[in-house]
Amino acid sequence: MLFDNQKYVEASGATALLDLAKQAGLKSFDACYTSAKYMPEIQRLAEQGVSCGLYGTPTIYVNGQAFVGESAA
C-alpha cells in the first residue's frame, strides 16, 4: 500500500501515513505514530545504518559488501 502511494506520501507526509493506516484498518497506528515511544530506537538504528554507509533503501550487505538496489526516481 505504501509503495503504491509513494507520491501521495511524499506530497502529504504524516497526513498520508495516517490516512493509509486508517484505510488498512490499523486502529492503533495513530496513537503509536504520534507518541514517539519508539523514536529513540528508530534514531539509534538510523544512526547505525549511516555509520555503516547506508543512506537509502534498498541496500543490503552480504559478507561486508554493499548491494544498492535501483531507485524508483
Protein backbone atom coordinates (compact mmCIF):
# COMPACT_ATOMS: atom_id res chain seq x y z
CA MET A 1 0.00 0.00 0.00
CA LEU A 2 2.83 2.44 0.83
CA PHE A 3 4.72 1.68 -2.36
CA ASP A 4 1.56 2.09 -4.43
CA ASN A 5 1.03 5.52 -2.84
CA GLN A 6 4.59 6.90 -2.73
CA LYS A 7 3.73 10.16 -4.49
CA TYR A 8 0.86 10.77 -2.03
CA VAL A 9 3.13 10.07 0.94
CA GLU A 10 5.89 12.31 -0.44
CA ALA A 11 3.42 15.15 -1.03
CA SER A 12 1.39 14.83 2.17
CA GLY A 13 3.79 13.33 4.73
CA ALA A 14 2.26 12.34 8.05
CA THR A 15 -1.26 13.08 6.83
CA ALA A 16 -0.87 10.45 4.12
CA LEU A 17 0.62 7.89 6.51
CA LEU A 18 -2.24 8.31 8.96
CA ASP A 19 -4.81 8.15 6.16
CA LEU A 20 -3.31 5.00 4.64
CA ALA A 21 -3.09 3.34 8.04
CA LYS A 22 -6.77 4.07 8.60
CA GLN A 23 -7.62 2.62 5.16
CA ALA A 24 -5.62 -0.51 6.06
CA GLY A 25 -7.56 -0.90 9.30
CA LEU A 26 -4.58 -0.24 11.61
CA LYS A 27 -6.57 1.05 14.56
CA SER A 28 -3.66 1.78 16.91
CA PHE A 29 -1.31 3.32 14.31
CA ASP A 30 -2.39 6.89 15.12
CA ALA A 31 -1.51 6.58 18.80
CA CYS A 32 1.74 4.74 18.12
CA TYR A 33 2.86 7.22 15.44
CA THR A 34 2.15 10.33 17.49
CA SER A 35 3.51 9.01 20.80
CA ALA A 36 7.15 8.88 19.64
CA LYS A 37 7.58 5.95 22.03
CA TYR A 38 9.93 4.18 19.65
CA MET A 39 11.78 7.27 18.40
CA PRO A 40 14.99 6.58 20.38
CA GLU A 41 15.24 3.08 18.87
CA ILE A 42 14.47 4.38 15.37
CA GLN A 43 17.14 7.09 15.77
CA ARG A 44 19.66 4.52 17.02
CA LEU A 45 19.02 2.23 14.07
CA ALA A 46 19.16 5.10 11.57
CA GLU A 47 22.49 6.27 13.01
CA GLN A 48 23.81 2.71 12.92
CA GLY A 49 22.87 2.46 9.25
CA VAL A 50 24.58 5.74 8.39
CA SER A 51 27.71 4.67 10.25
CA CYS A 52 27.78 1.57 8.04
CA GLY A 53 27.43 3.66 4.89
CA LEU A 54 23.71 3.14 4.31
CA TYR A 55 21.94 6.24 3.08
CA GLY A 56 18.84 4.81 1.47
CA THR A 57 16.89 1.76 0.51
CA PRO A 58 17.07 -0.77 -0.87
CA THR A 59 20.60 -1.57 0.33
CA ILE A 60 21.77 -4.88 1.78
CA TYR A 61 25.12 -6.14 2.95
CA VAL A 62 26.42 -9.62 2.12
CA ASN A 63 29.77 -10.62 3.58
CA GLY A 64 30.64 -6.97 4.15
CA GLN A 65 29.83 -5.86 0.60
CA ALA A 66 27.02 -3.36 -0.02
CA PHE A 67 24.50 -4.05 -2.75
CA VAL A 68 22.39 -1.00 -3.59
CA GLY A 69 19.12 -1.53 -5.40
CA GLU A 70 17.64 0.71 -8.05
CA SER A 71 15.92 3.93 -7.07
CA ALA A 72 12.32 4.45 -8.14
CA ALA A 73 13.10 8.05 -9.13
